[in-house]
């Protein structure tokens, strides 16, 4: 017993054009040179973050470094037309968040102890 399969329909192939469309022309490449970022601004941001994380455990050393690097970075950015202005300002803000209370508490401790000694 042989089973006969029905005949298969012929395959339809799309007609080929003699020359395919070449596509759009290549677009020109534009290279934009970016200004370098100030390394001191990056350092200010990093030390500001470390100062907030470590806090008083490091006696505010990281925050003092962040403030110093932030001011140097802002001066460097203006003088040499660099990027990183926002990082420098963020480092300054985070640094001053710990430095200002540290100075106020130190002044209160010095003058508070001096006043009570005279009474």
C-alpha atoms as a PDB file:
ATOM      1  CA  UNK A   1       0.000   0.000   0.000  1.00  0.00           C
ATOM      2  CA  UNK A   2       1.430   3.219  -1.059  1.00  0.00           C
ATOM      3  CA  UNK A   3      -0.071   6.476  -0.051  1.00  0.00           C
ATOM      4  CA  UNK A   4      -0.115   9.144  -2.632  1.00  0.00           C
ATOM      5  CA  UNK A   5       0.375  12.650  -1.409  1.00  0.00           C
ATOM      6  CA  UNK A   6      -1.459  15.447  -3.179  1.00  0.00           C
ATOM      7  CA  UNK A   7       0.718  17.500  -5.508  1.00  0.00           C
ATOM      8  CA  UNK A   8       2.380  20.511  -3.863  1.00  0.00           C
ATOM      9  CA  UNK A   9       1.584  23.974  -5.234  1.00  0.00           C
ATOM     10  CA  UNK A  10       4.486  25.678  -6.991  1.00  0.00           C
ATOM     11  CA  UNK A  11       6.468  28.080  -4.838  1.00  0.00           C
ATOM     12  CA  UNK A  12       5.848  31.679  -5.609  1.00  0.00           C
ATOM     13  CA  UNK A  13       8.907  33.868  -5.672  1.00  0.00           C
ATOM     14  CA  UNK A  14       8.632  37.621  -5.813  1.00  0.00           C
ATOM     15  CA  UNK A  15       9.827  39.178  -9.013  1.00  0.00           C
ATOM     16  CA  UNK A  16      13.377  40.467  -8.812  1.00  0.00           C
ATOM     17  CA  UNK A  17      14.217  43.916  -9.986  1.00  0.00           C
ATOM     18  CA  UNK A  18      17.293  44.149 -12.155  1.00  0.00           C
ATOM     19  CA  UNK A  19      18.985  46.670  -9.791  1.00  0.00           C
ATOM     20  CA  UNK A  20      18.057  46.974  -6.083  1.00  0.00           C
ATOM     21  CA  UNK A  21      17.633  50.405  -4.508  1.00  0.00           C
ATOM     22  CA  UNK A  22      21.015  51.409  -3.012  1.00  0.00           C
ATOM     23  CA  UNK A  23      19.597  53.031   0.134  1.00  0.00           C
ATOM     24  CA  UNK A  24      20.250  56.460   1.591  1.00  0.00           C
ATOM     25  CA  UNK A  25      23.710  58.018   1.403  1.00  0.00           C
ATOM     26  CA  UNK A  26      25.857  57.727   4.543  1.00  0.00           C
ATOM     27  CA  UNK A  27      25.446  60.510   7.057  1.00  0.00           C
ATOM     28  CA  UNK A  28      28.482  62.647   7.926  1.00  0.00           C
ATOM     29  CA  UNK A  29      30.107  61.996  11.289  1.00  0.00           C
ATOM     30  CA  UNK A  30      30.297  64.919  13.685  1.00  0.00           C
ATOM     31  CA  UNK A  31      32.798  64.733  16.521  1.00  0.00           C
ATOM     32  CA  UNK A  32      32.235  67.141  19.376  1.00  0.00           C
ATOM     33  CA  UNK A  33      35.161  67.662  21.704  1.00  0.00           C
ATOM     34  CA  UNK A  34      34.088  68.031  25.329  1.00  0.00           C
ATOM     35  CA  UNK A  35      35.892  70.145  27.841  1.00  0.00           C
ATOM     36  CA  UNK A  36      37.740  68.143  30.491  1.00  0.00           C
ATOM     37  CA  UNK A  37      36.294  67.916  33.987  1.00  0.00           C
ATOM     38  CA  UNK A  38      38.171  69.414  36.892  1.00  0.00           C
ATOM     39  CA  UNK A  39      39.803  66.718  39.018  1.00  0.00           C
ATOM     40  CA  UNK A  40      39.507  68.900  42.099  1.00  0.00           C
ATOM     41  CA  UNK A  41      35.727  69.083  41.577  1.00  0.00           C
ATOM     42  CA  UNK A  42      35.537  65.291  41.516  1.00  0.00           C
ATOM     43  CA  UNK A  43      37.712  65.113  44.647  1.00  0.00           C
ATOM     44  CA  UNK A  44      35.497  67.674  46.390  1.00  0.00           C
ATOM     45  CA  UNK A  45      32.389  65.647  45.607  1.00  0.00           C
ATOM     46  CA  UNK A  46      33.959  62.375  46.788  1.00  0.00           C
ATOM     47  CA  UNK A  47      35.312  63.865  50.019  1.00  0.00           C
ATOM     48  CA  UNK A  48      31.978  65.594  50.650  1.00  0.00           C
ATOM     49  CA  UNK A  49      30.174  62.260  50.391  1.00  0.00           C
ATOM     50  CA  UNK A  50      32.767  60.581  52.617  1.00  0.00           C
ATOM     51  CA  UNK A  51      32.449  63.435  55.121  1.00  0.00           C
ATOM     52  CA  UNK A  52      28.691  62.951  55.346  1.00  0.00           C
ATOM     53  CA  UNK A  53      29.012  59.186  55.666  1.00  0.00           C
ATOM     54  CA  UNK A  54      31.893  59.142  58.166  1.00  0.00           C
ATOM     55  CA  UNK A  55      30.685  62.243  59.998  1.00  0.00           C
ATOM     56  CA  UNK A  56      32.262  62.905  63.328  1.00  0.00           C
ATOM     57  CA  UNK A  57      34.141  59.604  63.361  1.00  0.00           C
ATOM     58  CA  UNK A  58      36.871  61.238  61.275  1.00  0.00           C
ATOM     59  CA  UNK A  59      36.714  64.556  63.198  1.00  0.00           C
ATOM     60  CA  UNK A  60      35.510  66.320  60.051  1.00  0.00           C
ATOM     61  CA  UNK A  61      38.759  65.825  58.134  1.00  0.00           C
ATOM     62  CA  UNK A  62      36.966  64.653  54.973  1.00  0.00           C
ATOM     63  CA  UNK A  63      34.624  67.634  55.130  1.00  0.00           C
ATOM     64  CA  UNK A  64      37.515  70.080  55.524  1.00  0.00           C
ATOM     65  CA  UNK A  65      39.233  68.500  52.506  1.00  0.00           C
ATOM     66  CA  UNK A  66      35.966  68.718  50.538  1.00  0.00           C
ATOM     67  CA  UNK A  67      35.646  72.434  51.295  1.00  0.00           C
ATOM     68  CA  UNK A  68      39.256  73.124  50.328  1.00  0.00           C
ATOM     69  CA  UNK A  69      39.040  71.099  47.118  1.00  0.00           C
ATOM     70  CA  UNK A  70      35.706  72.721  46.258  1.00  0.00           C
ATOM     71  CA  UNK A  71      37.070  76.240  46.494  1.00  0.00           C
ATOM     72  CA  UNK A  72      40.207  75.323  44.533  1.00  0.00           C
ATOM     73  CA  UNK A  73      38.056  73.611  41.902  1.00  0.00           C
ATOM     74  CA  UNK A  74      35.802  76.636  41.440  1.00  0.00           C
ATOM     75  CA  UNK A  75      38.829  78.876  40.973  1.00  0.00           C
ATOM     76  CA  UNK A  76      40.370  76.380  38.532  1.00  0.00           C
ATOM     77  CA  UNK A  77      37.102  76.001  36.600  1.00  0.00           C
ATOM     78  CA  UNK A  78      36.773  79.755  36.097  1.00  0.00           C
ATOM     79  CA  UNK A  79      40.427  80.203  35.145  1.00  0.00           C
ATOM     80  CA  UNK A  80      40.745  77.294  32.681  1.00  0.00           C
ATOM     81  CA  UNK A  81      37.120  77.020  31.456  1.00  0.00           C
ATOM     82  CA  UNK A  82      36.632  73.430  32.678  1.00  0.00           C
ATOM     83  CA  UNK A  83      33.545  71.400  33.470  1.00  0.00           C
ATOM     84  CA  UNK A  84      32.537  70.230  36.956  1.00  0.00           C
ATOM     85  CA  UNK A  85      31.002  73.378  38.429  1.00  0.00           C
ATOM     86  CA  UNK A  86      28.069  71.410  39.872  1.00  0.00           C
ATOM     87  CA  UNK A  87      30.296  68.750  41.416  1.00  0.00           C
ATOM     88  CA  UNK A  88      32.443  71.410  43.084  1.00  0.00           C
ATOM     89  CA  UNK A  89      29.385  73.188  44.511  1.00  0.00           C
ATOM     90  CA  UNK A  90      27.882  69.900  45.720  1.00  0.00           C
ATOM     91  CA  UNK A  91      31.155  69.041  47.459  1.00  0.00           C
ATOM     92  CA  UNK A  92      31.188  72.475  49.087  1.00  0.00           C
ATOM     93  CA  UNK A  93      27.623  72.126  50.349  1.00  0.00           C
ATOM     94  CA  UNK A  94      28.235  68.658  51.765  1.00  0.00           C
ATOM     95  CA  UNK A  95      31.508  69.783  53.325  1.00  0.00           C
ATOM     96  CA  UNK A  96      30.000  72.860  54.943  1.00  0.00           C
ATOM     97  CA  UNK A  97      27.126  70.766  56.354  1.00  0.00           C
ATOM     98  CA  UNK A  98      29.618  69.294  58.802  1.00  0.00           C
ATOM     99  CA  UNK A  99      32.209  72.094  59.067  1.00  0.00           C
ATOM    100  CA  UNK A 100      29.850  74.895  60.170  1.00  0.00           C
ATOM    101  CA  UNK A 101      28.302  72.972  63.113  1.00  0.00           C
ATOM    102  CA  UNK A 102      31.780  71.745  64.052  1.00  0.00           C
ATOM    103  CA  UNK A 103      33.053  75.349  64.262  1.00  0.00           C
ATOM    104  CA  UNK A 104      29.977  76.541  66.174  1.00  0.00           C
ATOM    105  CA  UNK A 105      30.248  73.751  68.734  1.00  0.00           C
ATOM    106  CA  UNK A 106      33.969  74.397  69.151  1.00  0.00           C
ATOM    107  CA  UNK A 107      33.398  78.118  69.729  1.00  0.00           C
ATOM    108  CA  UNK A 108      30.631  77.377  72.217  1.00  0.00           C
ATOM    109  CA  UNK A 109      32.852  74.907  74.069  1.00  0.00           C
ATOM    110  CA  UNK A 110      35.731  77.377  74.303  1.00  0.00           C
ATOM    111  CA  UNK A 111      33.715  80.438  75.269  1.00  0.00           C
ATOM    112  CA  UNK A 112      31.177  78.511  77.342  1.00  0.00           C
ATOM    113  CA  UNK A 113      33.928  77.004  79.456  1.00  0.00           C
ATOM    114  CA  UNK A 114      35.656  80.394  79.800  1.00  0.00           C
ATOM    115  CA  UNK A 115      32.517  82.153  81.006  1.00  0.00           C
ATOM    116  CA  UNK A 116      31.702  79.491  83.594  1.00  0.00           C
ATOM    117  CA  UNK A 117      35.252  79.620  84.924  1.00  0.00           C
ATOM    118  CA  UNK A 118      34.866  83.306  85.864  1.00  0.00           C
ATOM    119  CA  UNK A 119      31.648  82.792  87.836  1.00  0.00           C
END
